[in-house]
C-alpha atoms as a PDB file:
ATOM      1  CA  MET A   1       0.000   0.000   0.000  1.00  0.00           C
ATOM      2  CA  ARG A   2       1.451   3.364  -1.042  1.00  0.00           C
ATOM      3  CA  LEU A   3       1.148   6.178   1.494  1.00  0.00           C
ATOM      4  CA  THR A   4       0.905   9.770   0.297  1.00  0.00           C
ATOM      5  CA  MET A   5       2.262  12.588   2.415  1.00  0.00           C
ATOM      6  CA  PRO A   6      -0.106  15.457   3.236  1.00  0.00           C
ATOM      7  CA  PRO A   7       0.806  18.751   1.539  1.00  0.00           C
ATOM      8  CA  LEU A   8       2.998  21.230   3.386  1.00  0.00           C
ATOM      9  CA  LEU A   9       0.504  24.019   2.589  1.00  0.00           C
ATOM     10  CA  ASP A  10      -3.167  23.343   1.954  1.00  0.00           C
ATOM     11  CA  ILE A  11      -5.436  26.301   1.182  1.00  0.00           C
ATOM     12  CA  GLU A  12      -9.069  25.216   1.386  1.00  0.00           C
ATOM     13  CA  ASN A  13     -11.951  27.309   0.010  1.00  0.00           C
ATOM     14  CA  LEU A  14     -10.387  30.634   0.986  1.00  0.00           C
ATOM     15  CA  SER A  15     -12.586  33.716   0.475  1.00  0.00           C
ATOM     16  CA  VAL A  16     -11.483  37.307   1.072  1.00  0.00           C
ATOM     17  CA  CYS A  17     -13.457  40.518   0.618  1.00  0.00           C
ATOM     18  CA  PHE A  18     -12.921  44.249   1.129  1.00  0.00           C
ATOM     19  CA  ASP A  19     -15.505  46.748   2.363  1.00  0.00           C
ATOM     20  CA  THR A  20     -15.524  49.899   0.226  1.00  0.00           C
ATOM     21  CA  ASP A  21     -17.787  52.931  -0.170  1.00  0.00           C
ATOM     22  CA  ASP A  22     -19.102  51.386  -3.395  1.00  0.00           C
ATOM     23  CA  GLY A  23     -19.855  48.007  -1.858  1.00  0.00           C
ATOM     24  CA  VAL A  24     -18.141  44.725  -1.025  1.00  0.00           C
ATOM     25  CA  VAL A  25     -15.224  43.748  -3.278  1.00  0.00           C
ATOM     26  CA  ARG A  26     -14.987  39.970  -3.564  1.00  0.00           C
ATOM     27  CA  ALA A  27     -11.240  39.738  -4.092  1.00  0.00           C
ATOM     28  CA  ALA A  28     -10.850  35.967  -3.752  1.00  0.00           C
ATOM     29  CA  GLU A  29     -13.535  33.298  -3.591  1.00  0.00           C
ATOM     30  CA  ASN A  30     -13.270  29.621  -2.694  1.00  0.00           C
ATOM     31  CA  VAL A  31      -9.579  29.445  -3.571  1.00  0.00           C
ATOM     32  CA  SER A  32      -8.077  25.982  -3.031  1.00  0.00           C
ATOM     33  CA  LEU A  33      -4.403  25.259  -3.606  1.00  0.00           C
ATOM     34  CA  THR A  34      -1.742  22.878  -2.289  1.00  0.00           C
ATOM     35  CA  VAL A  35       2.055  23.031  -2.143  1.00  0.00           C
ATOM     36  CA  ALA A  36       4.126  19.989  -1.225  1.00  0.00           C
ATOM     37  CA  THR A  37       7.492  19.992   0.543  1.00  0.00           C
ATOM     38  CA  GLY A  38      10.192  21.021  -1.930  1.00  0.00           C
ATOM     39  CA  GLU A  39       7.660  21.803  -4.678  1.00  0.00           C
ATOM     40  CA  THR A  40       7.421  25.027  -6.692  1.00  0.00           C
ATOM     41  CA  VAL A  41       3.865  26.023  -7.594  1.00  0.00           C
ATOM     42  CA  GLY A  42       2.996  29.009  -9.768  1.00  0.00           C
ATOM     43  CA  LEU A  43      -0.064  31.205  -9.277  1.00  0.00           C
ATOM     44  CA  VAL A  44      -0.740  33.254 -12.415  1.00  0.00           C
ATOM     45  CA  GLY A  45      -3.327  35.643 -13.808  1.00  0.00           C
ATOM     46  CA  GLU A  46      -3.967  39.244 -14.794  1.00  0.00           C
ATOM     47  CA  SER A  47      -3.452  42.137 -12.374  1.00  0.00           C
ATOM     48  CA  GLY A  48      -6.319  42.361  -9.890  1.00  0.00           C
ATOM     49  CA  CYS A  49      -7.358  38.720 -10.198  1.00  0.00           C
ATOM     50  CA  GLY A  50      -6.697  37.957  -6.515  1.00  0.00           C
ATOM     51  CA  LYS A  51      -3.174  36.482  -6.565  1.00  0.00           C
ATOM     52  CA  THR A  52      -1.628  38.904  -4.066  1.00  0.00           C
ATOM     53  CA  VAL A  53      -4.660  38.804  -1.760  1.00  0.00           C
ATOM     54  CA  THR A  54      -4.385  35.014  -1.671  1.00  0.00           C
ATOM     55  CA  ALA A  55      -0.673  35.235  -0.835  1.00  0.00           C
ATOM     56  CA  LEU A  56      -1.193  37.805   1.934  1.00  0.00           C
ATOM     57  CA  SER A  57      -3.976  35.718   3.460  1.00  0.00           C
ATOM     58  CA  ILE A  58      -1.619  32.800   4.107  1.00  0.00           C
ATOM     59  CA  LEU A  59       0.076  34.745   6.917  1.00  0.00           C
ATOM     60  CA  ARG A  60      -2.997  36.867   7.754  1.00  0.00           C
ATOM     61  CA  LEU A  61      -1.432  40.010   6.339  1.00  0.00           C
ATOM     62  CA  VAL A  62      -4.575  41.300   4.619  1.00  0.00           C
ATOM     63  CA  PRO A  63      -5.181  44.796   6.099  1.00  0.00           C
ATOM     64  CA  SER A  64      -8.230  44.721   8.342  1.00  0.00           C
ATOM     65  CA  PRO A  65     -10.209  46.870   7.945  1.00  0.00           C
ATOM     66  CA  PRO A  66     -11.109  47.040   5.105  1.00  0.00           C
ATOM     67  CA  GLY A  67     -10.178  43.420   4.314  1.00  0.00           C
ATOM     68  CA  ARG A  68     -11.874  40.354   5.787  1.00  0.00           C
ATOM     69  CA  ILE A  69     -11.133  36.652   5.423  1.00  0.00           C
ATOM     70  CA  THR A  70     -14.703  35.394   5.346  1.00  0.00           C
ATOM     71  CA  SER A  71     -14.224  31.647   4.996  1.00  0.00           C
ATOM     72  CA  GLY A  72     -11.775  28.838   4.425  1.00  0.00           C
ATOM     73  CA  ARG A  73      -8.699  27.346   6.042  1.00  0.00           C
ATOM     74  CA  VAL A  74      -4.954  27.680   5.451  1.00  0.00           C
ATOM     75  CA  LEU A  75      -3.313  24.512   6.741  1.00  0.00           C
ATOM     76  CA  PHE A  76       0.447  24.431   7.311  1.00  0.00           C
ATOM     77  CA  HIS A  77       1.666  21.086   8.629  1.00  0.00           C
ATOM     78  CA  GLY A  78      -2.020  20.443   9.314  1.00  0.00           C
ATOM     79  CA  ARG A  79      -2.453  23.521  11.556  1.00  0.00           C
ATOM     80  CA  ASP A  80      -4.905  26.193  10.464  1.00  0.00           C
ATOM     81  CA  LEU A  81      -2.925  29.445  10.315  1.00  0.00           C
ATOM     82  CA  LEU A  82      -6.166  31.440  10.232  1.00  0.00           C
ATOM     83  CA  ALA A  83      -7.058  30.121  13.693  1.00  0.00           C
ATOM     84  CA  LEU A  84      -3.630  30.420  15.371  1.00  0.00           C
ATOM     85  CA  PRO A  85      -3.201  32.816  18.318  1.00  0.00           C
ATOM     86  CA  PRO A  86      -1.062  35.857  17.361  1.00  0.00           C
ATOM     87  CA  GLN A  87       1.980  34.648  19.328  1.00  0.00           C
ATOM     88  CA  GLU A  88       2.022  31.276  17.566  1.00  0.00           C
ATOM     89  CA  LEU A  89       1.503  32.935  14.186  1.00  0.00           C
ATOM     90  CA  ARG A  90       4.505  35.232  14.787  1.00  0.00           C
ATOM     91  CA  ALA A  91       6.648  32.122  15.305  1.00  0.00           C
ATOM     92  CA  VAL A  92       5.597  30.871  11.854  1.00  0.00           C
ATOM     93  CA  ARG A  93       6.154  34.164  10.024  1.00  0.00           C
ATOM     94  CA  GLY A  94       9.676  34.508   8.722  1.00  0.00           C
ATOM     95  CA  ARG A  95      11.137  31.344  10.214  1.00  0.00           C
ATOM     96  CA  ALA A  96       8.826  28.672   8.757  1.00  0.00           C
ATOM     97  CA  ILE A  97       7.160  30.756   6.043  1.00  0.00           C
ATOM     98  CA  SER A  98       8.903  33.743   4.485  1.00  0.00           C
ATOM     99  CA  MET A  99       7.279  36.208   2.129  1.00  0.00           C
ATOM    100  CA  VAL A 100       8.876  38.289  -0.614  1.00  0.00           C
ATOM    101  CA  PHE A 101       6.639  41.281  -1.277  1.00  0.00           C
ATOM    102  CA  GLN A 102       6.077  42.839  -4.676  1.00  0.00           C
ATOM    103  CA  GLU A 103       6.936  46.313  -3.335  1.00  0.00           C
ATOM    104  CA  PRO A 104       9.822  46.116  -0.819  1.00  0.00           C
ATOM    105  CA  MET A 105       9.273  49.655   0.519  1.00  0.00           C
ATOM    106  CA  THR A 106       6.069  48.418   2.141  1.00  0.00           C
ATOM    107  CA  ALA A 107       7.994  45.693   4.008  1.00  0.00           C
ATOM    108  CA  LEU A 108      11.297  47.409   4.884  1.00  0.00           C
ATOM    109  CA  SER A 109      11.374  49.945   7.694  1.00  0.00           C
ATOM    110  CA  PRO A 110      12.364  53.401   6.381  1.00  0.00           C
ATOM    111  CA  LEU A 111      13.752  54.295   9.836  1.00  0.00           C
ATOM    112  CA  HIS A 112      16.391  51.566  10.140  1.00  0.00           C
ATOM    113  CA  ARG A 113      19.492  50.743   8.148  1.00  0.00           C
ATOM    114  CA  VAL A 114      19.366  47.720   5.871  1.00  0.00           C
ATOM    115  CA  GLY A 115      22.022  45.815   7.821  1.00  0.00           C
ATOM    116  CA  HIS A 116      20.189  46.373  11.116  1.00  0.00           C
ATOM    117  CA  GLN A 117      16.975  44.961   9.632  1.00  0.00           C
ATOM    118  CA  LEU A 118      18.722  41.885   8.243  1.00  0.00           C
ATOM    119  CA  VAL A 119      20.558  41.230  11.510  1.00  0.00           C
ATOM    120  CA  GLU A 120      17.457  41.660  13.674  1.00  0.00           C
ATOM    121  CA  THR A 121      15.423  39.427  11.385  1.00  0.00           C
ATOM    122  CA  VAL A 122      17.843  36.530  11.613  1.00  0.00           C
ATOM    123  CA  ARG A 123      18.429  36.968  15.375  1.00  0.00           C
ATOM    124  CA  LEU A 124      14.671  36.985  15.998  1.00  0.00           C
ATOM    125  CA  HIS A 125      14.408  33.447  14.646  1.00  0.00           C
ATOM    126  CA  ARG A 126      17.844  31.893  15.268  1.00  0.00           C
ATOM    127  CA  ARG A 127      20.253  31.714  18.174  1.00  0.00           C
ATOM    128  CA  ILE A 128      23.150  33.584  16.643  1.00  0.00           C
ATOM    129  CA  SER A 129      25.473  36.344  17.818  1.00  0.00           C
ATOM    130  CA  ARG A 130      25.187  39.827  16.358  1.00  0.00           C
ATOM    131  CA  PRO A 131      28.609  39.642  14.608  1.00  0.00           C
ATOM    132  CA  ASP A 132      27.726  36.259  13.053  1.00  0.00           C
ATOM    133  CA  ALA A 133      24.341  37.607  11.964  1.00  0.00           C
ATOM    134  CA  GLY A 134      26.096  40.572  10.364  1.00  0.00           C
ATOM    135  CA  ARG A 135      28.440  38.276   8.444  1.00  0.00           C
ATOM    136  CA  LEU A 136      25.476  36.167   7.311  1.00  0.00           C
ATOM    137  CA  ALA A 137      23.632  39.286   6.134  1.00  0.00           C
ATOM    138  CA  ARG A 138      26.602  40.491   4.090  1.00  0.00           C
ATOM    139  CA  GLU A 139      27.081  37.010   2.625  1.00  0.00           C
ATOM    140  CA  TRP A 140      23.480  36.913   1.416  1.00  0.00           C
ATOM    141  CA  LEU A 141      23.640  40.415  -0.042  1.00  0.00           C
ATOM    142  CA  ARG A 142      26.714  39.273  -1.958  1.00  0.00           C
ATOM    143  CA  LYS A 143      24.782  36.222  -3.211  1.00  0.00           C
ATOM    144  CA  MET A 144      22.072  38.608  -4.405  1.00  0.00           C
ATOM    145  CA  GLY A 145      24.588  40.337  -6.657  1.00  0.00           C
ATOM    146  CA  ILE A 146      24.926  43.495  -4.540  1.00  0.00           C
ATOM    147  CA  PRO A 147      28.513  44.618  -5.251  1.00  0.00           C
ATOM    148  CA  ASP A 148      29.281  46.417  -1.957  1.00  0.00           C
ATOM    149  CA  PRO A 149      27.410  44.640   0.874  1.00  0.00           C
ATOM    150  CA  GLU A 150      29.195  46.639   3.590  1.00  0.00           C
ATOM    151  CA  ARG A 151      28.005  49.936   2.141  1.00  0.00           C
ATOM    152  CA  SER A 152      24.493  48.606   1.492  1.00  0.00           C
ATOM    153  CA  CYS A 153      24.199  47.447   5.093  1.00  0.00           C
ATOM    154  CA  ARG A 154      24.882  51.001   6.253  1.00  0.00           C
ATOM    155  CA  ALA A 155      22.268  52.469   3.889  1.00  0.00           C
ATOM    156  CA  TYR A 156      18.615  53.204   4.571  1.00  0.00           C
ATOM    157  CA  PRO A 157      16.116  51.598   2.154  1.00  0.00           C
ATOM    158  CA  PHE A 158      15.321  54.904   0.422  1.00  0.00           C
ATOM    159  CA  GLN A 159      19.019  55.259  -0.453  1.00  0.00           C
ATOM    160  CA  LEU A 160      18.909  52.063  -2.544  1.00  0.00           C
ATOM    161  CA  SER A 161      17.395  51.579  -5.976  1.00  0.00           C
ATOM    162  CA  GLY A 162      14.165  49.638  -6.347  1.00  0.00           C
ATOM    163  CA  GLY A 163      16.020  46.625  -7.703  1.00  0.00           C
ATOM    164  CA  MET A 164      18.496  46.631  -4.802  1.00  0.00           C
ATOM    165  CA  ARG A 165      15.675  46.918  -2.264  1.00  0.00           C
ATOM    166  CA  GLN A 166      14.024  43.923  -3.878  1.00  0.00           C
ATOM    167  CA  ARG A 167      17.254  41.944  -3.582  1.00  0.00           C
ATOM    168  CA  VAL A 168      17.453  42.872   0.109  1.00  0.00           C
ATOM    169  CA  MET A 169      13.919  41.495   0.583  1.00  0.00           C
ATOM    170  CA  ILE A 170      14.805  38.262  -1.207  1.00  0.00           C
ATOM    171  CA  ALA A 171      17.982  37.908   0.892  1.00  0.00           C
ATOM    172  CA  MET A 172      15.921  38.441   4.053  1.00  0.00           C
ATOM    173  CA  ALA A 173      13.577  35.621   3.027  1.00  0.00           C
ATOM    174  CA  LEU A 174      16.213  33.124   1.891  1.00  0.00           C
ATOM    175  CA  MET A 175      18.730  33.604   4.702  1.00  0.00           C
ATOM    176  CA  LEU A 176      16.358  32.046   7.244  1.00  0.00           C
ATOM    177  CA  ALA A 177      16.075  28.825   5.168  1.00  0.00           C
ATOM    178  CA  PRO A 178      12.286  28.631   5.657  1.00  0.00           C
ATOM    179  CA  GLU A 179      10.187  25.604   4.768  1.00  0.00           C
ATOM    180  CA  LEU A 180       8.021  27.706   2.433  1.00  0.00           C
ATOM    181  CA  ILE A 181       8.666  30.926   0.535  1.00  0.00           C
ATOM    182  CA  VAL A 182       5.705  32.905  -0.775  1.00  0.00           C
ATOM    183  CA  ALA A 183       7.126  35.171  -3.496  1.00  0.00           C
ATOM    184  CA  ASP A 184       4.900  37.851  -5.036  1.00  0.00           C
ATOM    185  CA  GLU A 185       6.449  38.957  -8.356  1.00  0.00           C
ATOM    186  CA  PRO A 186       9.927  38.628  -6.772  1.00  0.00           C
ATOM    187  CA  THR A 187      12.006  39.636  -9.805  1.00  0.00           C
ATOM    188  CA  THR A 188       9.860  42.279 -11.519  1.00  0.00           C
ATOM    189  CA  ALA A 189      12.275  45.139 -10.711  1.00  0.00           C
ATOM    190  CA  LEU A 190      15.441  43.171 -11.545  1.00  0.00           C
ATOM    191  CA  ASP A 191      17.386  42.939 -14.782  1.00  0.00           C
ATOM    192  CA  VAL A 192      17.643  39.558 -16.480  1.00  0.00           C
ATOM    193  CA  THR A 193      21.124  38.762 -15.133  1.00  0.00           C
ATOM    194  CA  ILE A 194      20.079  39.296 -11.513  1.00  0.00           C
ATOM    195  CA  GLN A 195      16.827  37.446 -12.165  1.00  0.00           C
ATOM    196  CA  ALA A 196      18.840  34.416 -13.253  1.00  0.00           C
ATOM    197  CA  GLN A 197      20.976  34.600 -10.074  1.00  0.00           C
ATOM    198  CA  VAL A 198      17.879  34.826  -7.872  1.00  0.00           C
ATOM    199  CA  PHE A 199      16.208  31.881  -9.564  1.00  0.00           C
ATOM    200  CA  ASP A 200      19.396  29.824  -9.248  1.00  0.00           C
ATOM    201  CA  LEU A 201      19.364  30.506  -5.497  1.00  0.00           C
ATOM    202  CA  MET A 202      15.702  29.535  -5.303  1.00  0.00           C
ATOM    203  CA  ARG A 203      16.416  26.301  -7.172  1.00  0.00           C
ATOM    204  CA  ASP A 204      19.198  25.582  -4.692  1.00  0.00           C
ATOM    205  CA  MET A 205      16.764  26.161  -1.806  1.00  0.00           C
ATOM    206  CA  ARG A 206      14.322  23.785  -3.500  1.00  0.00           C
ATOM    207  CA  ARG A 207      16.983  21.082  -3.508  1.00  0.00           C
ATOM    208  CA  ARG A 208      17.063  21.527   0.263  1.00  0.00           C
ATOM    209  CA  ASP A 209      13.293  20.825   0.363  1.00  0.00           C
ATOM    210  CA  THR A 210      12.203  24.463   0.594  1.00  0.00           C
ATOM    211  CA  ALA A 211       8.810  24.870  -1.098  1.00  0.00           C
ATOM    212  CA  LEU A 212       7.983  27.927  -3.195  1.00  0.00           C
ATOM    213  CA  LEU A 213       4.639  29.511  -4.053  1.00  0.00           C
ATOM    214  CA  LEU A 214       5.508  31.844  -6.917  1.00  0.00           C
ATOM    215  CA  ILE A 215       2.995  34.564  -7.786  1.00  0.00           C
ATOM    216  CA  THR A 216       3.730  35.953 -11.223  1.00  0.00           C
ATOM    217  CA  HIS A 217       2.288  37.108 -14.538  1.00  0.00           C
ATOM    218  CA  ASP A 218       5.349  35.855 -16.444  1.00  0.00           C
ATOM    219  CA  MET A 219       4.562  32.506 -18.059  1.00  0.00           C
ATOM    220  CA  GLY A 220       8.215  32.118 -19.056  1.00  0.00           C
ATOM    221  CA  VAL A 221       9.170  32.149 -15.372  1.00  0.00           C
ATOM    222  CA  VAL A 222       6.443  29.598 -14.661  1.00  0.00           C
ATOM    223  CA  TRP A 223       7.831  27.294 -17.366  1.00  0.00           C
ATOM    224  CA  GLU A 224      11.381  27.583 -16.000  1.00  0.00           C
ATOM    225  CA  MET A 225      10.636  27.336 -12.280  1.00  0.00           C
ATOM    226  CA  CYS A 226       7.380  25.528 -11.541  1.00  0.00           C
ATOM    227  CA  ALA A 227       6.186  21.951 -11.458  1.00  0.00           C
ATOM    228  CA  ARG A 228       2.512  22.894 -11.204  1.00  0.00           C
ATOM    229  CA  VAL A 229       0.526  26.039 -11.899  1.00  0.00           C
ATOM    230  CA  ALA A 230      -2.850  27.429 -10.866  1.00  0.00           C
ATOM    231  CA  VAL A 231      -4.508  30.039 -13.086  1.00  0.00           C
ATOM    232  CA  MET A 232      -6.691  32.735 -11.475  1.00  0.00           C
ATOM    233  CA  TYR A 233      -9.346  34.858 -13.114  1.00  0.00           C
ATOM    234  CA  ALA A 234     -11.758  37.299 -11.433  1.00  0.00           C
ATOM    235  CA  GLY A 235     -11.056  36.088  -7.899  1.00  0.00           C
ATOM    236  CA  GLU A 236     -11.166  32.346  -8.443  1.00  0.00           C
ATOM    237  CA  ILE A 237      -8.919  29.579  -9.706  1.00  0.00           C
ATOM    238  CA  VAL A 238     -10.093  28.430 -13.135  1.00  0.00           C
ATOM    239  CA  GLU A 239      -7.484  25.776 -13.926  1.00  0.00           C
ATOM    240  CA  SER A 240      -4.797  23.796 -12.105  1.00  0.00           C
ATOM    241  CA  ALA A 241      -2.376  21.401 -13.772  1.00  0.00           C
ATOM    242  CA  GLY A 242       1.198  20.344 -14.270  1.00  0.00           C
ATOM    243  CA  VAL A 243       3.093  23.036 -16.145  1.00  0.00           C
ATOM    244  CA  ARG A 244       3.873  21.001 -19.237  1.00  0.00           C
ATOM    245  CA  GLU A 245       0.336  19.611 -19.485  1.00  0.00           C
ATOM    246  CA  LEU A 246      -1.140  23.095 -19.155  1.00  0.00           C
ATOM    247  CA  PHE A 247       1.129  24.636 -21.791  1.00  0.00           C
ATOM    248  CA  ALA A 248       0.523  21.731 -24.193  1.00  0.00           C
ATOM    249  CA  ARG A 249      -3.284  21.623 -23.817  1.00  0.00           C
ATOM    250  CA  PRO A 250      -5.049  24.263 -21.732  1.00  0.00           C
ATOM    251  CA  LEU A 251      -8.546  23.164 -20.731  1.00  0.00           C
ATOM    252  CA  HIS A 252      -9.996  26.543 -19.726  1.00  0.00           C
ATOM    253  CA  PRO A 253     -10.559  29.168 -22.451  1.00  0.00           C
ATOM    254  CA  TYR A 254      -8.975  31.854 -20.267  1.00  0.00           C
ATOM    255  CA  THR A 255      -5.772  29.817 -19.954  1.00  0.00           C
ATOM    256  CA  GLU A 256      -5.789  29.314 -23.721  1.00  0.00           C
ATOM    257  CA  ALA A 257      -6.232  33.064 -24.250  1.00  0.00           C
ATOM    258  CA  LEU A 258      -3.532  33.883 -21.698  1.00  0.00           C
ATOM    259  CA  LEU A 259      -1.007  31.648 -23.453  1.00  0.00           C
ATOM    260  CA  ALA A 260      -1.961  33.088 -26.863  1.00  0.00           C
ATOM    261  CA  SER A 261      -1.380  36.650 -25.634  1.00  0.00           C
ATOM    262  CA  ILE A 262       2.269  36.201 -24.629  1.00  0.00           C
ATOM    263  CA  PRO A 263       5.346  36.077 -26.912  1.00  0.00           C
ATOM    264  CA  PRO A 264       6.376  32.509 -27.822  1.00  0.00           C
ATOM    265  CA  MET A 265       9.381  31.240 -25.893  1.00  0.00           C
ATOM    266  CA  GLY A 266      11.098  30.278 -29.144  1.00  0.00           C
ATOM    267  CA  GLY A 267      11.814  33.965 -29.705  1.00  0.00           C
ATOM    268  CA  GLN A 268      10.047  34.360 -33.057  1.00  0.00           C
ATOM    269  CA  ALA A 269      10.433  38.057 -33.796  1.00  0.00           C
ATOM    270  CA  HIS A 270       7.339  38.410 -35.990  1.00  0.00           C
ATOM    271  CA  ALA A 271       5.007  36.039 -34.132  1.00  0.00           C
ATOM    272  CA  ARG A 272       1.428  37.297 -34.013  1.00  0.00           C
ATOM    273  CA  LEU A 273       0.039  37.844 -30.511  1.00  0.00           C
ATOM    274  CA  THR A 274      -3.678  37.600 -29.793  1.00  0.00           C
ATOM    275  CA  PRO A 275      -5.043  40.033 -27.190  1.00  0.00           C
ATOM    276  CA  ILE A 276      -7.846  38.931 -24.866  1.00  0.00           C
ATOM    277  CA  LYS A 277     -10.925  40.846 -25.951  1.00  0.00           C
ATOM    278  CA  GLY A 278     -13.148  42.696 -23.496  1.00  0.00           C
ATOM    279  CA  GLN A 279     -12.601  43.703 -19.875  1.00  0.00           C
ATOM    280  CA  VAL A 280     -12.170  41.845 -16.585  1.00  0.00           C
ATOM    281  CA  PRO A 281     -15.509  42.059 -14.714  1.00  0.00           C
ATOM    282  CA  SER A 282     -15.743  44.283 -11.647  1.00  0.00           C
ATOM    283  CA  PRO A 283     -15.289  42.389  -8.346  1.00  0.00           C
ATOM    284  CA  LEU A 284     -18.190  44.482  -7.040  1.00  0.00           C
ATOM    285  CA  ARG A 285     -20.592  42.903  -9.533  1.00  0.00           C
ATOM    286  CA  TYR A 286     -19.512  39.661 -11.160  1.00  0.00           C
ATOM    287  CA  PRO A 287     -21.745  38.464 -14.023  1.00  0.00           C
ATOM    288  CA  SER A 288     -24.043  35.487 -13.612  1.00  0.00           C
ATOM    289  CA  GLY A 289     -22.681  32.096 -14.549  1.00  0.00           C
ATOM    290  CA  CYS A 290     -19.086  31.847 -15.736  1.00  0.00           C
ATOM    291  CA  ARG A 291     -17.085  35.011 -15.022  1.00  0.00           C
ATOM    292  CA  PHE A 292     -15.150  34.663 -18.280  1.00  0.00           C
ATOM    293  CA  ARG A 293     -18.229  34.171 -20.496  1.00  0.00           C
ATOM    294  CA  ASP A 294     -18.354  37.727 -21.916  1.00  0.00           C
ATOM    295  CA  ARG A 295     -14.785  37.329 -23.231  1.00  0.00           C
ATOM    296  CA  CYS A 296     -14.974  33.659 -24.189  1.00  0.00           C
ATOM    297  CA  PRO A 297     -15.297  32.609 -27.864  1.00  0.00           C
ATOM    298  CA  TYR A 298     -16.838  29.271 -26.829  1.00  0.00           C
ATOM    299  CA  ALA A 299     -19.577  30.576 -24.482  1.00  0.00           C
ATOM    300  CA  PHE A 300     -23.090  29.120 -24.814  1.00  0.00           C
ATOM    301  CA  ALA A 301     -26.368  29.395 -22.885  1.00  0.00           C
ATOM    302  CA  GLN A 302     -25.321  27.311 -19.879  1.00  0.00           C
ATOM    303  CA  CYS A 303     -22.330  29.600 -19.294  1.00  0.00           C
ATOM    304  CA  ALA A 304     -24.690  32.505 -18.485  1.00  0.00           C
ATOM    305  CA  ALA A 305     -27.173  30.469 -16.465  1.00  0.00           C
ATOM    306  CA  GLU A 306     -24.900  28.391 -14.234  1.00  0.00           C
ATOM    307  CA  HIS A 307     -21.644  29.064 -12.402  1.00  0.00           C
ATOM    308  CA  PRO A 308     -19.170  26.254 -13.264  1.00  0.00           C
ATOM    309  CA  GLU A 309     -17.503  24.379 -10.429  1.00  0.00           C
ATOM    310  CA  MET A 310     -13.934  23.084 -10.494  1.00  0.00           C
ATOM    311  CA  ARG A 311     -14.001  19.581 -11.881  1.00  0.00           C
ATOM    312  CA  ALA A 312     -11.359  16.869 -12.153  1.00  0.00           C
ATOM    313  CA  VAL A 313     -10.524  16.182 -15.795  1.00  0.00           C
ATOM    314  CA  ALA A 314      -7.725  13.926 -17.031  1.00  0.00           C
ATOM    315  CA  GLY A 315      -5.697  14.210 -13.823  1.00  0.00           C
ATOM    316  CA  ARG A 316      -6.091  17.979 -13.534  1.00  0.00           C
ATOM    317  CA  GLN A 317      -8.794  20.508 -12.657  1.00  0.00           C
ATOM    318  CA  ALA A 318     -10.683  23.096 -14.670  1.00  0.00           C
ATOM    319  CA  ARG A 319     -13.677  25.382 -14.112  1.00  0.00           C
ATOM    320  CA  CYS A 320     -15.358  24.987 -17.505  1.00  0.00           C
ATOM    321  CA  PHE A 321     -18.383  23.108 -18.866  1.00  0.00           C
ATOM    322  CA  LEU A 322     -16.372  22.177 -21.945  1.00  0.00           C
ATOM    323  CA  ALA A 323     -13.319  20.835 -20.045  1.00  0.00           C
ATOM    324  CA  GLU A 324     -14.021  17.151 -20.785  1.00  0.00           C
ATOM    325  CA  LYS A 325     -14.593  17.853 -24.459  1.00  0.00           C
ATOM    326  CA  ARG A 326     -11.413  19.940 -24.699  1.00  0.00           C
ATOM    327  CA  ALA A 327      -9.385  17.242 -22.897  1.00  0.00           C
ATOM    328  CA  ALA A 328     -10.619  14.654 -25.379  1.00  0.00           C
ATOM    329  CA  GLY A 329      -9.295  16.817 -28.208  1.00  0.00           C
END
């Protein structure tokens, strides 16, 4: 009898909303996602689809008010992080689960030097002397491609470029060797050379059984880094599959449209790109039925009358009434 290990992270039916003057914004609804030990999972979709809200919810970092986690569970080693007392949750943040934010200025203190923040972060979670923590901080800044770690440690965040601040944030996450890294667009502000260095470091962490949830809009990064990918649209996951299966045969029309709208990875200079027609629906007022139906070339009457549920199809999942037909070819 073959035993399967439970996932390291198991997000179950997570829903998050925001109270605004115009009404309730349903930012994420019934999101379910798993990440195994040592696995890299991508979470992709257009801006505003709910990726970042999902990531912030894992460590209960959604600002409240106006945000509210209205339902669901986030299980880490089987413990529901949404139900943990604040003291126990603080022990998880940083040491067991580290987060790389999309905008580092929101995570770095503007009042403290970079070196001080790195040293205090590592000493908060590990028994290590201040001099050893300082050496570790400089070592990780060097790994991040920062040419003068000593000088950078003495600087305040506002004295560094956006790309250097982002590298500081990534160093802060990796230096603790967490079990899970949640990375929200971690390399957006970096040039391609530094991106490659960062991804090499993340691959090295993966070989040490560190799991990675990678939030991105870059399908090329997903192809290079991830084993599985979940696609979000209008606050919900619409498809989840192995990366190669999804690229070869997307089952949801939104995934198909997303792949058609990006440059081919073969580098064909004159390849024709197909934009996704229409607009993303407002999270204040989603349409009836399928949320992608107004932009979908395959929509039919049932798509307007009934909201599709995620269904298992050919070893993967898709939120589409035509998923079985598309899988059959």
